[in-house]
N, C-alpha and C. Protein backbone atom coordinates (compact mmCIF):
# COMPACT_ATOMS: atom_id res chain seq x y z
N MET A 1 -2.66 23.05 -3.70
CA MET A 1 -3.59 22.00 -3.37
C MET A 1 -4.23 21.43 -4.63
N LYS A 2 -4.50 22.29 -5.59
CA LYS A 2 -5.10 21.82 -6.84
C LYS A 2 -4.19 20.82 -7.54
N SER A 3 -2.88 21.09 -7.51
CA SER A 3 -1.95 20.18 -8.20
C SER A 3 -1.95 18.81 -7.52
N ARG A 4 -2.12 18.78 -6.21
CA ARG A 4 -2.18 17.50 -5.48
C ARG A 4 -3.42 16.72 -5.90
N GLU A 5 -4.56 17.42 -6.01
CA GLU A 5 -5.80 16.77 -6.44
C GLU A 5 -5.67 16.23 -7.86
N THR A 6 -5.03 17.01 -8.71
CA THR A 6 -4.80 16.57 -10.08
C THR A 6 -3.89 15.34 -10.09
N LEU A 7 -2.86 15.36 -9.27
CA LEU A 7 -1.94 14.23 -9.19
C LEU A 7 -2.66 12.98 -8.69
N ILE A 8 -3.55 13.13 -7.72
CA ILE A 8 -4.31 11.99 -7.22
C ILE A 8 -5.21 11.42 -8.32
N ARG A 9 -5.88 12.32 -9.05
CA ARG A 9 -6.73 11.85 -10.16
C ARG A 9 -5.91 11.12 -11.21
N LEU A 10 -4.72 11.64 -11.50
CA LEU A 10 -3.84 10.99 -12.47
C LEU A 10 -3.43 9.61 -11.99
N LYS A 11 -3.05 9.51 -10.73
CA LYS A 11 -2.62 8.21 -10.17
C LYS A 11 -3.78 7.22 -10.17
N LYS A 12 -5.00 7.70 -9.85
CA LYS A 12 -6.16 6.81 -9.88
C LYS A 12 -6.43 6.32 -11.30
N PHE A 13 -6.28 7.22 -12.25
CA PHE A 13 -6.46 6.84 -13.65
C PHE A 13 -5.44 5.78 -14.05
N GLN A 14 -4.19 5.97 -13.64
CA GLN A 14 -3.14 4.99 -13.96
C GLN A 14 -3.44 3.64 -13.33
N VAL A 15 -3.90 3.64 -12.09
CA VAL A 15 -4.26 2.37 -11.43
C VAL A 15 -5.40 1.70 -12.19
N ASP A 16 -6.41 2.47 -12.58
CA ASP A 16 -7.54 1.90 -13.32
C ASP A 16 -7.08 1.32 -14.66
N GLU A 17 -6.19 2.04 -15.35
CA GLU A 17 -5.67 1.54 -16.62
C GLU A 17 -4.92 0.22 -16.44
N LYS A 18 -4.10 0.16 -15.43
CA LYS A 18 -3.32 -1.06 -15.17
C LYS A 18 -4.26 -2.21 -14.77
N ARG A 19 -5.28 -1.89 -14.01
CA ARG A 19 -6.27 -2.90 -13.61
C ARG A 19 -7.01 -3.43 -14.84
N ARG A 20 -7.37 -2.52 -15.76
CA ARG A 20 -8.04 -2.94 -17.00
C ARG A 20 -7.12 -3.84 -17.83
N ARG A 21 -5.85 -3.51 -17.86
CA ARG A 21 -4.89 -4.32 -18.62
C ARG A 21 -4.79 -5.73 -18.03
N VAL A 22 -4.72 -5.82 -16.70
CA VAL A 22 -4.65 -7.13 -16.05
C VAL A 22 -5.91 -7.93 -16.39
N THR A 23 -7.06 -7.29 -16.29
CA THR A 23 -8.33 -7.96 -16.58
C THR A 23 -8.38 -8.41 -18.04
N GLN A 24 -7.90 -7.56 -18.93
CA GLN A 24 -7.90 -7.89 -20.36
C GLN A 24 -7.02 -9.11 -20.62
N ILE A 25 -5.84 -9.15 -20.04
CA ILE A 25 -4.93 -10.28 -20.25
C ILE A 25 -5.54 -11.55 -19.67
N GLU A 26 -6.12 -11.44 -18.47
CA GLU A 26 -6.75 -12.62 -17.87
C GLU A 26 -7.88 -13.14 -18.76
N GLY A 27 -8.64 -12.25 -19.34
CA GLY A 27 -9.71 -12.65 -20.24
C GLY A 27 -9.19 -13.34 -21.49
N MET A 28 -8.10 -12.80 -22.03
CA MET A 28 -7.51 -13.42 -23.22
C MET A 28 -6.99 -14.82 -22.90
N ILE A 29 -6.35 -14.99 -21.75
CA ILE A 29 -5.85 -16.31 -21.36
C ILE A 29 -7.02 -17.28 -21.23
N ALA A 30 -8.10 -16.85 -20.59
CA ALA A 30 -9.27 -17.71 -20.43
C ALA A 30 -9.86 -18.09 -21.79
N ASP A 31 -9.93 -17.12 -22.71
CA ASP A 31 -10.44 -17.40 -24.05
C ASP A 31 -9.55 -18.41 -24.77
N PHE A 32 -8.24 -18.24 -24.67
CA PHE A 32 -7.32 -19.17 -25.33
C PHE A 32 -7.45 -20.57 -24.75
N GLN A 33 -7.61 -20.66 -23.44
CA GLN A 33 -7.77 -21.98 -22.82
C GLN A 33 -9.07 -22.63 -23.28
N ARG A 34 -10.15 -21.84 -23.33
CA ARG A 34 -11.43 -22.36 -23.78
C ARG A 34 -11.35 -22.84 -25.23
N MET A 35 -10.71 -22.05 -26.09
CA MET A 35 -10.56 -22.45 -27.49
C MET A 35 -9.70 -23.70 -27.60
N SER A 36 -8.69 -23.81 -26.77
CA SER A 36 -7.82 -24.98 -26.79
C SER A 36 -8.59 -26.24 -26.41
N VAL A 37 -9.44 -26.13 -25.41
CA VAL A 37 -10.27 -27.27 -25.00
C VAL A 37 -11.22 -27.66 -26.13
N GLU A 38 -11.82 -26.67 -26.77
CA GLU A 38 -12.72 -26.95 -27.89
C GLU A 38 -11.98 -27.64 -29.03
N LEU A 39 -10.79 -27.18 -29.32
CA LEU A 39 -9.99 -27.80 -30.37
C LEU A 39 -9.63 -29.25 -30.00
N GLU A 40 -9.34 -29.47 -28.74
CA GLU A 40 -9.02 -30.83 -28.29
C GLU A 40 -10.21 -31.76 -28.54
N ARG A 41 -11.41 -31.27 -28.24
CA ARG A 41 -12.62 -32.08 -28.50
C ARG A 41 -12.78 -32.35 -30.00
N GLU A 42 -12.54 -31.32 -30.80
CA GLU A 42 -12.66 -31.50 -32.25
C GLU A 42 -11.63 -32.50 -32.77
N ILE A 43 -10.42 -32.43 -32.23
CA ILE A 43 -9.36 -33.38 -32.63
C ILE A 43 -9.79 -34.80 -32.29
N GLN A 44 -10.30 -34.99 -31.06
CA GLN A 44 -10.74 -36.32 -30.63
C GLN A 44 -11.88 -36.82 -31.54
N THR A 45 -12.81 -35.94 -31.84
CA THR A 45 -13.93 -36.33 -32.71
C THR A 45 -13.43 -36.73 -34.09
N GLU A 46 -12.51 -35.96 -34.64
CA GLU A 46 -11.97 -36.24 -35.98
C GLU A 46 -11.18 -37.55 -35.98
N GLN A 47 -10.43 -37.80 -34.91
CA GLN A 47 -9.67 -39.04 -34.82
C GLN A 47 -10.61 -40.24 -34.72
N GLU A 48 -11.67 -40.11 -33.94
CA GLU A 48 -12.64 -41.21 -33.82
C GLU A 48 -13.34 -41.46 -35.15
N ARG A 49 -13.68 -40.38 -35.85
CA ARG A 49 -14.36 -40.51 -37.14
C ARG A 49 -13.46 -41.23 -38.14
N ALA A 50 -12.16 -40.87 -38.15
CA ALA A 50 -11.23 -41.46 -39.11
C ALA A 50 -10.69 -42.81 -38.62
N GLY A 51 -10.74 -43.03 -37.32
CA GLY A 51 -10.22 -44.28 -36.78
C GLY A 51 -8.69 -44.29 -36.72
N ILE A 52 -8.05 -43.13 -36.80
CA ILE A 52 -6.59 -43.04 -36.78
C ILE A 52 -6.20 -42.02 -35.70
N ASN A 53 -5.37 -42.46 -34.75
CA ASN A 53 -4.95 -41.58 -33.65
C ASN A 53 -3.51 -41.11 -33.78
N ASP A 54 -2.77 -41.61 -34.72
CA ASP A 54 -1.36 -41.28 -34.88
C ASP A 54 -1.19 -40.15 -35.89
N PRO A 55 -0.76 -38.97 -35.43
CA PRO A 55 -0.60 -37.84 -36.35
C PRO A 55 0.45 -38.07 -37.44
N THR A 56 1.35 -39.03 -37.24
CA THR A 56 2.37 -39.30 -38.26
C THR A 56 1.87 -40.27 -39.33
N HIS A 57 0.71 -40.85 -39.13
CA HIS A 57 0.13 -41.79 -40.10
C HIS A 57 -0.20 -41.03 -41.38
N PHE A 58 0.04 -41.67 -42.52
CA PHE A 58 -0.16 -40.98 -43.80
C PHE A 58 -1.62 -40.59 -44.05
N ALA A 59 -2.57 -41.31 -43.44
CA ALA A 59 -3.98 -41.03 -43.68
C ALA A 59 -4.61 -40.23 -42.52
N TYR A 60 -3.78 -39.71 -41.66
CA TYR A 60 -4.31 -38.93 -40.53
C TYR A 60 -5.05 -37.72 -41.09
N PRO A 61 -6.22 -37.39 -40.52
CA PRO A 61 -7.03 -36.28 -41.07
C PRO A 61 -6.29 -34.94 -41.06
N THR A 62 -6.36 -34.26 -42.18
CA THR A 62 -5.71 -32.95 -42.33
C THR A 62 -6.29 -31.94 -41.35
N TYR A 63 -7.61 -31.99 -41.16
CA TYR A 63 -8.24 -31.06 -40.23
C TYR A 63 -7.69 -31.27 -38.81
N ALA A 64 -7.49 -32.51 -38.41
CA ALA A 64 -6.97 -32.80 -37.07
C ALA A 64 -5.54 -32.27 -36.94
N LYS A 65 -4.74 -32.41 -38.00
CA LYS A 65 -3.36 -31.87 -37.96
C LYS A 65 -3.39 -30.35 -37.79
N ALA A 66 -4.25 -29.70 -38.54
CA ALA A 66 -4.36 -28.24 -38.45
C ALA A 66 -4.87 -27.83 -37.07
N ALA A 67 -5.81 -28.58 -36.53
CA ALA A 67 -6.35 -28.27 -35.21
C ALA A 67 -5.28 -28.46 -34.13
N ILE A 68 -4.45 -29.47 -34.27
CA ILE A 68 -3.36 -29.70 -33.31
C ILE A 68 -2.40 -28.52 -33.35
N GLN A 69 -2.06 -28.07 -34.55
CA GLN A 69 -1.15 -26.93 -34.70
C GLN A 69 -1.75 -25.67 -34.08
N ARG A 70 -3.03 -25.48 -34.33
CA ARG A 70 -3.69 -24.29 -33.78
C ARG A 70 -3.74 -24.37 -32.25
N ARG A 71 -4.04 -25.56 -31.72
CA ARG A 71 -4.08 -25.73 -30.26
C ARG A 71 -2.71 -25.44 -29.65
N GLU A 72 -1.65 -25.92 -30.29
CA GLU A 72 -0.30 -25.65 -29.79
C GLU A 72 0.03 -24.16 -29.83
N ASN A 73 -0.40 -23.49 -30.90
CA ASN A 73 -0.19 -22.04 -30.99
C ASN A 73 -0.95 -21.30 -29.88
N LEU A 74 -2.17 -21.72 -29.62
CA LEU A 74 -2.96 -21.09 -28.56
C LEU A 74 -2.31 -21.32 -27.19
N THR A 75 -1.83 -22.53 -26.97
CA THR A 75 -1.17 -22.84 -25.70
C THR A 75 0.08 -22.00 -25.53
N ARG A 76 0.86 -21.87 -26.59
CA ARG A 76 2.09 -21.06 -26.55
C ARG A 76 1.74 -19.58 -26.30
N SER A 77 0.70 -19.11 -26.97
CA SER A 77 0.28 -17.72 -26.77
C SER A 77 -0.21 -17.49 -25.35
N ALA A 78 -0.94 -18.45 -24.79
CA ALA A 78 -1.43 -18.32 -23.41
C ALA A 78 -0.25 -18.28 -22.44
N ASP A 79 0.78 -19.08 -22.71
CA ASP A 79 1.97 -19.06 -21.85
C ASP A 79 2.67 -17.70 -21.91
N GLU A 80 2.76 -17.13 -23.11
CA GLU A 80 3.37 -15.81 -23.27
C GLU A 80 2.53 -14.75 -22.55
N LEU A 81 1.21 -14.90 -22.62
CA LEU A 81 0.34 -13.95 -21.94
C LEU A 81 0.47 -14.06 -20.42
N ARG A 82 0.73 -15.24 -19.92
CA ARG A 82 0.93 -15.40 -18.47
C ARG A 82 2.14 -14.59 -18.01
N ALA A 83 3.19 -14.58 -18.83
CA ALA A 83 4.37 -13.78 -18.50
C ALA A 83 4.00 -12.28 -18.51
N GLN A 84 3.22 -11.88 -19.52
CA GLN A 84 2.77 -10.49 -19.58
C GLN A 84 1.87 -10.15 -18.40
N LEU A 85 1.06 -11.14 -17.98
CA LEU A 85 0.16 -10.94 -16.84
C LEU A 85 0.96 -10.68 -15.57
N ASP A 86 2.02 -11.43 -15.38
CA ASP A 86 2.87 -11.21 -14.21
C ASP A 86 3.45 -9.80 -14.22
N ASP A 87 3.91 -9.35 -15.38
CA ASP A 87 4.45 -7.99 -15.50
C ASP A 87 3.36 -6.95 -15.24
N ALA A 88 2.19 -7.18 -15.81
CA ALA A 88 1.08 -6.23 -15.64
C ALA A 88 0.65 -6.15 -14.17
N LYS A 89 0.65 -7.28 -13.48
CA LYS A 89 0.29 -7.26 -12.06
C LYS A 89 1.34 -6.51 -11.25
N ALA A 90 2.60 -6.66 -11.61
CA ALA A 90 3.66 -5.93 -10.91
C ALA A 90 3.50 -4.42 -11.14
N LEU A 91 3.20 -4.03 -12.38
CA LEU A 91 2.98 -2.61 -12.68
C LEU A 91 1.76 -2.06 -11.94
N LEU A 92 0.72 -2.87 -11.85
CA LEU A 92 -0.48 -2.46 -11.11
C LEU A 92 -0.14 -2.25 -9.64
N SER A 93 0.62 -3.14 -9.09
CA SER A 93 1.02 -3.02 -7.68
C SER A 93 1.82 -1.74 -7.46
N GLU A 94 2.76 -1.46 -8.36
CA GLU A 94 3.56 -0.24 -8.24
C GLU A 94 2.68 1.01 -8.34
N ALA A 95 1.77 1.02 -9.29
CA ALA A 95 0.88 2.17 -9.48
C ALA A 95 0.00 2.37 -8.25
N PHE A 96 -0.46 1.27 -7.67
CA PHE A 96 -1.29 1.35 -6.48
C PHE A 96 -0.50 1.92 -5.31
N GLU A 97 0.75 1.50 -5.17
CA GLU A 97 1.60 2.02 -4.10
C GLU A 97 1.85 3.52 -4.27
N GLU A 98 2.09 3.95 -5.51
CA GLU A 98 2.29 5.38 -5.78
C GLU A 98 1.03 6.18 -5.41
N LEU A 99 -0.13 5.64 -5.76
CA LEU A 99 -1.39 6.30 -5.41
C LEU A 99 -1.52 6.43 -3.91
N LYS A 100 -1.22 5.39 -3.19
CA LYS A 100 -1.34 5.43 -1.73
C LYS A 100 -0.39 6.47 -1.13
N LYS A 101 0.82 6.57 -1.68
CA LYS A 101 1.78 7.57 -1.18
C LYS A 101 1.23 8.98 -1.36
N VAL A 102 0.69 9.26 -2.54
CA VAL A 102 0.16 10.60 -2.83
C VAL A 102 -1.04 10.88 -1.95
N GLU A 103 -1.90 9.88 -1.76
CA GLU A 103 -3.07 10.08 -0.90
C GLU A 103 -2.65 10.33 0.55
N LEU A 104 -1.61 9.64 0.99
CA LEU A 104 -1.10 9.86 2.35
C LEU A 104 -0.59 11.28 2.52
N LEU A 105 0.16 11.75 1.53
CA LEU A 105 0.66 13.12 1.58
C LEU A 105 -0.50 14.11 1.64
N ASP A 106 -1.53 13.85 0.86
CA ASP A 106 -2.69 14.73 0.84
C ASP A 106 -3.39 14.72 2.20
N GLU A 107 -3.53 13.55 2.79
CA GLU A 107 -4.17 13.47 4.10
C GLU A 107 -3.35 14.22 5.15
N ARG A 108 -2.03 14.11 5.08
CA ARG A 108 -1.17 14.84 6.02
C ARG A 108 -1.34 16.35 5.85
N ASP A 109 -1.37 16.80 4.60
CA ASP A 109 -1.56 18.23 4.34
C ASP A 109 -2.91 18.70 4.89
N GLN A 110 -3.94 17.92 4.68
CA GLN A 110 -5.27 18.30 5.18
C GLN A 110 -5.29 18.33 6.70
N ALA A 111 -4.63 17.36 7.33
CA ALA A 111 -4.59 17.34 8.81
C ALA A 111 -3.83 18.56 9.33
N ARG A 112 -2.72 18.90 8.65
CA ARG A 112 -1.94 20.08 9.06
C ARG A 112 -2.78 21.35 8.91
N GLU A 113 -3.51 21.46 7.81
CA GLU A 113 -4.35 22.64 7.59
C GLU A 113 -5.45 22.72 8.64
N ARG A 114 -6.04 21.57 9.00
CA ARG A 114 -7.07 21.58 10.04
C ARG A 114 -6.48 22.01 11.38
N ALA A 115 -5.28 21.52 11.67
CA ALA A 115 -4.62 21.90 12.93
C ALA A 115 -4.32 23.40 12.95
N GLU A 116 -3.84 23.94 11.83
CA GLU A 116 -3.57 25.37 11.74
C GLU A 116 -4.85 26.18 11.91
N GLU A 117 -5.92 25.73 11.29
CA GLU A 117 -7.21 26.41 11.40
C GLU A 117 -7.71 26.38 12.84
N SER A 118 -7.56 25.23 13.49
CA SER A 118 -7.97 25.11 14.90
C SER A 118 -7.15 26.04 15.77
N ALA A 119 -5.86 26.13 15.50
CA ALA A 119 -4.99 27.01 16.28
C ALA A 119 -5.40 28.47 16.08
N ARG A 120 -5.73 28.86 14.85
CA ARG A 120 -6.18 30.23 14.58
C ARG A 120 -7.49 30.52 15.30
N GLU A 121 -8.42 29.57 15.25
CA GLU A 121 -9.69 29.75 15.93
C GLU A 121 -9.49 29.87 17.44
N GLN A 122 -8.60 29.03 17.97
CA GLN A 122 -8.33 29.09 19.42
C GLN A 122 -7.70 30.43 19.79
N ALA A 123 -6.80 30.92 18.93
CA ALA A 123 -6.17 32.22 19.19
C ALA A 123 -7.23 33.33 19.16
N ASP A 124 -8.15 33.25 18.21
CA ASP A 124 -9.24 34.23 18.14
C ASP A 124 -10.10 34.18 19.40
N MET A 125 -10.43 32.98 19.83
CA MET A 125 -11.25 32.83 21.04
C MET A 125 -10.50 33.35 22.27
N ASP A 126 -9.20 33.08 22.33
CA ASP A 126 -8.39 33.57 23.45
C ASP A 126 -8.38 35.10 23.47
N SER A 127 -8.23 35.70 22.29
CA SER A 127 -8.20 37.17 22.25
C SER A 127 -9.56 37.74 22.66
N ILE A 128 -10.64 37.10 22.26
CA ILE A 128 -11.98 37.55 22.67
C ILE A 128 -12.12 37.42 24.18
N GLY A 129 -11.65 36.31 24.72
CA GLY A 129 -11.71 36.10 26.17
C GLY A 129 -10.91 37.14 26.91
N LEU A 130 -9.73 37.47 26.40
CA LEU A 130 -8.89 38.51 27.03
C LEU A 130 -9.58 39.86 27.00
N MET A 131 -10.19 40.17 25.84
CA MET A 131 -10.88 41.46 25.73
C MET A 131 -12.04 41.53 26.73
N ARG A 132 -12.78 40.46 26.87
CA ARG A 132 -13.91 40.43 27.82
C ARG A 132 -13.40 40.53 29.24
N ALA A 133 -12.29 39.85 29.49
CA ALA A 133 -11.71 39.93 30.85
C ALA A 133 -11.27 41.35 31.15
N ARG A 134 -10.66 42.02 30.19
CA ARG A 134 -10.21 43.39 30.38
C ARG A 134 -11.39 44.33 30.57
N LEU A 135 -12.44 44.11 29.74
CA LEU A 135 -13.63 44.96 29.87
C LEU A 135 -14.31 44.71 31.20
N GLY A 136 -14.26 43.50 31.70
CA GLY A 136 -14.86 43.18 32.99
C GLY A 136 -14.08 43.85 34.11
N VAL A 137 -12.77 43.96 33.98
CA VAL A 137 -11.93 44.63 34.97
C VAL A 137 -12.18 46.12 34.95
N ILE A 138 -12.36 46.69 33.78
CA ILE A 138 -12.57 48.13 33.63
C ILE A 138 -13.95 48.50 34.14
N ALA A 139 -14.95 47.71 33.89
CA ALA A 139 -16.32 48.06 34.28
C ALA A 139 -16.60 47.93 35.72
């Protein structure tokens, strides 16, 4: 029984770890999106300040070019993280299913033990009843 309890604790730990990983990836994606939006605003501000909107123009602001590159990198990284998020969610689902299976087995074992205990108690009560019945016949 101890090994089952240990296994349940292990499975719960694994589910928690996978849940933390999903949350961490979701947070990173949100941060990347927020930074991307901020960079977009900075690019727009720099373009308005310089009066040039064409990145291929020779006088296009260097800061705006760098910000565009950074925004593209963030977008690409967020897309890669979305793929990792899908994998992490699948692993979380699998870990959760494994936990449920182990918990079900444990519940079945506990129900069986309760039934066995009830049967033993009933047998004890039956034997006491028989002894009283016999003593009542003798007396």
